């Protein structure tokens, strides 16, 4: 993961790897659903920067809220507050269901 001092260099840094993935997908018969594509910008600022990424002919905005990735809810500052709250809520529901059995 790279750290960027400003958003102006972000499109230049991400264009090449994304273009490589698009070319690989086209050559291997893989199609991406652009409606499900989302981007998350991890940063330390309190205010979320507004930016977009252009992928081919599509523009992908950065998610201002958390994103679900590999079984975890990640927010832009990587605090994991939303993930912990969600898992705690699910755990409490499971405990309530188990209590009804006894």
Foldseek 3Di string as FASTA:
>chain_A
DDDDPDCVCVQVVPQVVLVVVVVVCVVVVHDDDPVPDEAAAADDDPDDDWDWYDRPPDIHTHDQAWDQDPNATAHNPRPSPVRVVVVVVVVVVVVVVVVVVD
